[in-house]
Amino acid sequence: MEITKSLVQTESCDENLKAFEAEFLVDRLEELEKISLDSLDFDSLKAIGHKWKGFSKPYGFNCLAELGIELENNAKEKDEEGVRLTLESVRSYLRLKKESLSL
C-alpha cells in the first residue's frame, strides 16, 4: 500500500469522534514506540494489528486499519520482514496523519 499525503488528507473522522482524533493519534504513536523490533512478539503484534483493523476507521485512520490487517497477517505467518516493513509503513503513515491534523 502506497501511503501519500493526498491519500491521508482524504480520510475523515466520524463527527461524534472528532474531539478524540488527536488523542487517538497520540495513543497510536505511543503504542508504536513500545513495539520492540529486537524481539518480535508475534502474538502481541497480531493482537495490535487486529485492534487497529477494528477501530481505526471511525476515527478517520482508514490506512491504519488496512495496515492493521497487514500486521495481523504478517504476525500470524511469523514473517519478520513483513512485520518490519508494515511497522515502517505505519510509522510513515502516522507521521503524515500528524501533519494533516496540524499537531
N, C-alpha and C. Protein backbone atom coordinates (compact mmCIF):
# COMPACT_ATOMS: atom_id res chain seq x y z
N MET A 1 0.85 -1.17 0.00
CA MET A 1 0.00 0.00 0.00
C MET A 1 0.90 1.24 0.00
N GLU A 2 0.69 2.10 -0.98
CA GLU A 2 1.44 3.35 -1.02
C GLU A 2 0.64 4.42 -0.29
N ILE A 3 1.27 4.98 0.71
CA ILE A 3 0.59 5.99 1.53
C ILE A 3 1.15 7.36 1.14
N THR A 4 0.26 8.21 0.66
CA THR A 4 0.66 9.55 0.25
C THR A 4 -0.07 10.59 1.09
N LYS A 5 0.47 11.78 1.04
CA LYS A 5 -0.14 12.90 1.76
C LYS A 5 -1.58 13.13 1.29
N SER A 6 -1.79 13.05 -0.02
CA SER A 6 -3.14 13.28 -0.54
C SER A 6 -4.11 12.19 -0.10
N LEU A 7 -3.64 10.95 0.00
CA LEU A 7 -4.49 9.87 0.49
C LEU A 7 -4.89 10.12 1.94
N VAL A 8 -3.93 10.51 2.75
CA VAL A 8 -4.19 10.79 4.17
C VAL A 8 -5.19 11.93 4.31
N GLN A 9 -5.07 12.93 3.46
CA GLN A 9 -5.95 14.09 3.56
C GLN A 9 -7.39 13.78 3.15
N THR A 10 -7.61 12.67 2.45
CA THR A 10 -8.98 12.32 2.06
C THR A 10 -9.71 11.58 3.17
N GLU A 11 -9.01 11.13 4.20
CA GLU A 11 -9.64 10.41 5.30
C GLU A 11 -10.42 11.37 6.18
N SER A 12 -11.57 10.91 6.65
CA SER A 12 -12.35 11.78 7.52
C SER A 12 -12.84 11.02 8.75
N CYS A 13 -12.91 11.74 9.83
CA CYS A 13 -13.31 11.20 11.12
C CYS A 13 -14.82 11.34 11.30
N ASP A 14 -15.41 10.36 11.94
CA ASP A 14 -16.81 10.43 12.32
C ASP A 14 -16.99 11.69 13.18
N GLU A 15 -18.01 12.47 12.89
CA GLU A 15 -18.22 13.74 13.61
C GLU A 15 -18.29 13.55 15.12
N ASN A 16 -18.88 12.45 15.57
CA ASN A 16 -19.01 12.20 17.01
C ASN A 16 -17.68 11.89 17.68
N LEU A 17 -16.66 11.57 16.88
CA LEU A 17 -15.34 11.22 17.43
C LEU A 17 -14.28 12.28 17.16
N LYS A 18 -14.67 13.33 16.47
CA LYS A 18 -13.72 14.38 16.06
C LYS A 18 -12.90 14.91 17.24
N ALA A 19 -13.52 15.07 18.40
CA ALA A 19 -12.84 15.61 19.57
C ALA A 19 -11.75 14.66 20.08
N PHE A 20 -11.80 13.41 19.67
CA PHE A 20 -10.85 12.42 20.16
C PHE A 20 -9.80 12.03 19.12
N GLU A 21 -9.86 12.64 17.95
CA GLU A 21 -8.97 12.29 16.84
C GLU A 21 -7.49 12.48 17.21
N ALA A 22 -7.14 13.60 17.78
CA ALA A 22 -5.75 13.86 18.16
C ALA A 22 -5.28 12.89 19.24
N GLU A 23 -6.15 12.63 20.21
CA GLU A 23 -5.81 11.69 21.28
C GLU A 23 -5.59 10.28 20.70
N PHE A 24 -6.41 9.91 19.74
CA PHE A 24 -6.27 8.61 19.09
C PHE A 24 -4.90 8.51 18.43
N LEU A 25 -4.49 9.57 17.75
CA LEU A 25 -3.17 9.59 17.10
C LEU A 25 -2.06 9.45 18.13
N VAL A 26 -2.11 10.23 19.19
CA VAL A 26 -1.08 10.18 20.23
C VAL A 26 -0.99 8.78 20.82
N ASP A 27 -2.13 8.18 21.07
CA ASP A 27 -2.15 6.82 21.62
C ASP A 27 -1.49 5.82 20.68
N ARG A 28 -1.74 5.95 19.38
CA ARG A 28 -1.14 5.04 18.41
C ARG A 28 0.37 5.26 18.31
N LEU A 29 0.81 6.52 18.38
CA LEU A 29 2.25 6.80 18.35
C LEU A 29 2.94 6.19 19.56
N GLU A 30 2.31 6.32 20.72
CA GLU A 30 2.87 5.73 21.94
C GLU A 30 2.90 4.21 21.84
N GLU A 31 1.84 3.65 21.30
CA GLU A 31 1.77 2.20 21.13
C GLU A 31 2.88 1.72 20.19
N LEU A 32 3.09 2.45 19.12
CA LEU A 32 4.12 2.09 18.15
C LEU A 32 5.51 2.13 18.78
N GLU A 33 5.76 3.12 19.62
CA GLU A 33 7.06 3.25 20.27
C GLU A 33 7.36 2.10 21.23
N LYS A 34 6.33 1.47 21.76
CA LYS A 34 6.51 0.37 22.71
C LYS A 34 6.85 -0.95 22.03
N ILE A 35 6.66 -1.01 20.72
CA ILE A 35 6.93 -2.24 19.99
C ILE A 35 8.44 -2.40 19.81
N SER A 36 8.97 -3.49 20.29
CA SER A 36 10.40 -3.77 20.18
C SER A 36 10.67 -4.53 18.89
N LEU A 37 11.54 -3.98 18.07
CA LEU A 37 11.93 -4.67 16.85
C LEU A 37 13.04 -5.68 17.10
N ASP A 38 13.63 -5.61 18.29
CA ASP A 38 14.71 -6.54 18.63
C ASP A 38 14.18 -7.93 18.92
N SER A 39 13.07 -8.00 19.59
CA SER A 39 12.48 -9.30 19.92
C SER A 39 10.99 -9.24 19.61
N LEU A 40 10.64 -9.60 18.40
CA LEU A 40 9.26 -9.50 17.95
C LEU A 40 8.39 -10.51 18.68
N ASP A 41 7.32 -10.02 19.28
CA ASP A 41 6.34 -10.87 19.94
C ASP A 41 5.14 -10.97 18.99
N PHE A 42 5.13 -12.04 18.20
CA PHE A 42 4.13 -12.18 17.15
C PHE A 42 2.71 -12.21 17.68
N ASP A 43 2.50 -12.80 18.86
CA ASP A 43 1.14 -12.83 19.42
C ASP A 43 0.66 -11.42 19.76
N SER A 44 1.53 -10.62 20.36
CA SER A 44 1.17 -9.24 20.68
C SER A 44 0.95 -8.42 19.41
N LEU A 45 1.81 -8.63 18.42
CA LEU A 45 1.67 -7.89 17.16
C LEU A 45 0.39 -8.26 16.44
N LYS A 46 0.03 -9.53 16.50
CA LYS A 46 -1.23 -9.98 15.90
C LYS A 46 -2.41 -9.28 16.58
N ALA A 47 -2.36 -9.18 17.90
CA ALA A 47 -3.44 -8.53 18.65
C ALA A 47 -3.50 -7.03 18.34
N ILE A 48 -2.35 -6.38 18.23
CA ILE A 48 -2.31 -4.96 17.90
C ILE A 48 -2.88 -4.74 16.50
N GLY A 49 -2.45 -5.55 15.55
CA GLY A 49 -2.97 -5.42 14.18
C GLY A 49 -4.48 -5.60 14.14
N HIS A 50 -4.96 -6.59 14.88
CA HIS A 50 -6.41 -6.84 14.93
C HIS A 50 -7.15 -5.64 15.53
N LYS A 51 -6.58 -5.07 16.57
CA LYS A 51 -7.19 -3.90 17.22
C LYS A 51 -7.23 -2.71 16.24
N TRP A 52 -6.10 -2.45 15.58
CA TRP A 52 -6.06 -1.34 14.62
C TRP A 52 -7.07 -1.55 13.51
N LYS A 53 -7.15 -2.78 13.03
CA LYS A 53 -8.09 -3.12 11.96
C LYS A 53 -9.52 -2.80 12.40
N GLY A 54 -9.81 -3.08 13.64
CA GLY A 54 -11.18 -2.98 14.12
C GLY A 54 -11.69 -1.60 14.47
N PHE A 55 -10.82 -0.72 14.98
CA PHE A 55 -11.39 0.54 15.45
C PHE A 55 -10.75 1.81 14.87
N SER A 56 -9.95 1.69 13.84
CA SER A 56 -9.29 2.88 13.29
C SER A 56 -10.16 3.70 12.34
N LYS A 57 -10.99 3.04 11.55
CA LYS A 57 -11.77 3.75 10.53
C LYS A 57 -12.70 4.83 11.08
N PRO A 58 -13.45 4.58 12.16
CA PRO A 58 -14.34 5.64 12.65
C PRO A 58 -13.59 6.92 13.06
N TYR A 59 -12.32 6.76 13.44
CA TYR A 59 -11.51 7.92 13.82
C TYR A 59 -10.86 8.58 12.61
N GLY A 60 -11.12 8.07 11.42
CA GLY A 60 -10.55 8.64 10.20
C GLY A 60 -9.16 8.13 9.90
N PHE A 61 -8.81 6.96 10.40
CA PHE A 61 -7.50 6.37 10.17
C PHE A 61 -7.67 5.11 9.31
N ASN A 62 -8.22 5.31 8.12
CA ASN A 62 -8.52 4.20 7.22
C ASN A 62 -7.27 3.41 6.83
N CYS A 63 -6.19 4.11 6.55
CA CYS A 63 -4.95 3.42 6.16
C CYS A 63 -4.42 2.59 7.32
N LEU A 64 -4.57 3.07 8.54
CA LEU A 64 -4.11 2.30 9.69
C LEU A 64 -4.91 1.01 9.82
N ALA A 65 -6.19 1.05 9.50
CA ALA A 65 -7.00 -0.16 9.52
C ALA A 65 -6.46 -1.18 8.51
N GLU A 66 -6.10 -0.70 7.32
CA GLU A 66 -5.54 -1.59 6.30
C GLU A 66 -4.17 -2.12 6.73
N LEU A 67 -3.36 -1.26 7.30
CA LEU A 67 -2.05 -1.69 7.79
C LEU A 67 -2.20 -2.66 8.97
N GLY A 68 -3.25 -2.49 9.74
CA GLY A 68 -3.54 -3.42 10.82
C GLY A 68 -3.79 -4.83 10.29
N ILE A 69 -4.50 -4.91 9.17
CA ILE A 69 -4.74 -6.21 8.53
C ILE A 69 -3.41 -6.83 8.11
N GLU A 70 -2.55 -6.00 7.49
CA GLU A 70 -1.23 -6.48 7.06
C GLU A 70 -0.41 -6.97 8.26
N LEU A 71 -0.41 -6.18 9.33
CA LEU A 71 0.36 -6.53 10.52
C LEU A 71 -0.16 -7.84 11.12
N GLU A 72 -1.46 -7.95 11.24
CA GLU A 72 -2.05 -9.17 11.80
C GLU A 72 -1.67 -10.38 10.96
N ASN A 73 -1.77 -10.27 9.65
CA ASN A 73 -1.44 -11.39 8.76
C ASN A 73 0.05 -11.73 8.82
N ASN A 74 0.90 -10.72 8.80
CA ASN A 74 2.35 -10.97 8.90
C ASN A 74 2.71 -11.62 10.22
N ALA A 75 2.07 -11.20 11.29
CA ALA A 75 2.35 -11.78 12.60
C ALA A 75 1.86 -13.23 12.66
N LYS A 76 0.71 -13.51 12.07
CA LYS A 76 0.20 -14.89 12.01
C LYS A 76 1.19 -15.80 11.30
N GLU A 77 1.79 -15.27 10.23
CA GLU A 77 2.75 -16.04 9.43
C GLU A 77 4.16 -16.02 10.03
N LYS A 78 4.33 -15.26 11.10
CA LYS A 78 5.66 -15.08 11.73
C LYS A 78 6.69 -14.57 10.71
N ASP A 79 6.23 -13.63 9.88
CA ASP A 79 7.04 -13.04 8.82
C ASP A 79 7.73 -11.79 9.37
N GLU A 80 8.95 -11.96 9.85
CA GLU A 80 9.67 -10.85 10.47
C GLU A 80 9.84 -9.67 9.53
N GLU A 81 10.25 -9.94 8.30
CA GLU A 81 10.48 -8.85 7.33
C GLU A 81 9.17 -8.14 7.02
N GLY A 82 8.09 -8.90 6.85
CA GLY A 82 6.78 -8.30 6.60
C GLY A 82 6.34 -7.42 7.75
N VAL A 83 6.55 -7.89 8.98
CA VAL A 83 6.20 -7.11 10.16
C VAL A 83 7.00 -5.82 10.18
N ARG A 84 8.30 -5.91 9.96
CA ARG A 84 9.15 -4.71 9.99
C ARG A 84 8.73 -3.70 8.93
N LEU A 85 8.46 -4.18 7.72
CA LEU A 85 8.03 -3.28 6.64
C LEU A 85 6.68 -2.64 6.95
N THR A 86 5.77 -3.43 7.50
CA THR A 86 4.46 -2.89 7.85
C THR A 86 4.59 -1.84 8.94
N LEU A 87 5.40 -2.11 9.95
CA LEU A 87 5.58 -1.14 11.03
C LEU A 87 6.23 0.15 10.52
N GLU A 88 7.11 0.03 9.54
CA GLU A 88 7.71 1.23 8.95
C GLU A 88 6.65 2.02 8.19
N SER A 89 5.75 1.32 7.50
CA SER A 89 4.64 1.99 6.82
C SER A 89 3.72 2.68 7.82
N VAL A 90 3.47 2.02 8.94
CA VAL A 90 2.64 2.62 10.00
C VAL A 90 3.31 3.89 10.51
N ARG A 91 4.61 3.82 10.74
CA ARG A 91 5.35 4.99 11.23
C ARG A 91 5.22 6.15 10.25
N SER A 92 5.41 5.87 8.96
CA SER A 92 5.30 6.91 7.93
C SER A 92 3.88 7.46 7.86
N TYR A 93 2.91 6.57 7.92
CA TYR A 93 1.52 6.98 7.86
C TYR A 93 1.16 7.89 9.04
N LEU A 94 1.55 7.49 10.25
CA LEU A 94 1.21 8.31 11.42
C LEU A 94 1.90 9.67 11.37
N ARG A 95 3.08 9.72 10.79
CA ARG A 95 3.78 11.00 10.63
C ARG A 95 2.98 11.91 9.69
N LEU A 96 2.51 11.35 8.57
CA LEU A 96 1.69 12.13 7.64
C LEU A 96 0.36 12.53 8.26
N LYS A 97 -0.22 11.63 9.02
CA LYS A 97 -1.50 11.93 9.68
C LYS A 97 -1.33 13.07 10.67
N LYS A 98 -0.24 13.04 11.40
CA LYS A 98 0.05 14.10 12.37
C LYS A 98 0.17 15.45 11.67
N GLU A 99 0.85 15.46 10.53
CA GLU A 99 0.98 16.70 9.74
C GLU A 99 -0.39 17.16 9.25
N SER A 100 -1.21 16.23 8.80
CA SER A 100 -2.52 16.62 8.24
C SER A 100 -3.45 17.17 9.33
N LEU A 101 -3.23 16.75 10.58
CA LEU A 101 -4.04 17.26 11.69
C LEU A 101 -3.41 18.51 12.31
N SER A 102 -2.27 18.91 11.77
CA SER A 102 -1.54 20.11 12.26
C SER A 102 -1.20 19.99 13.74
N LEU A 103 -0.67 18.85 14.12
CA LEU A 103 -0.26 18.65 15.53
C LEU A 103 1.23 18.77 15.68
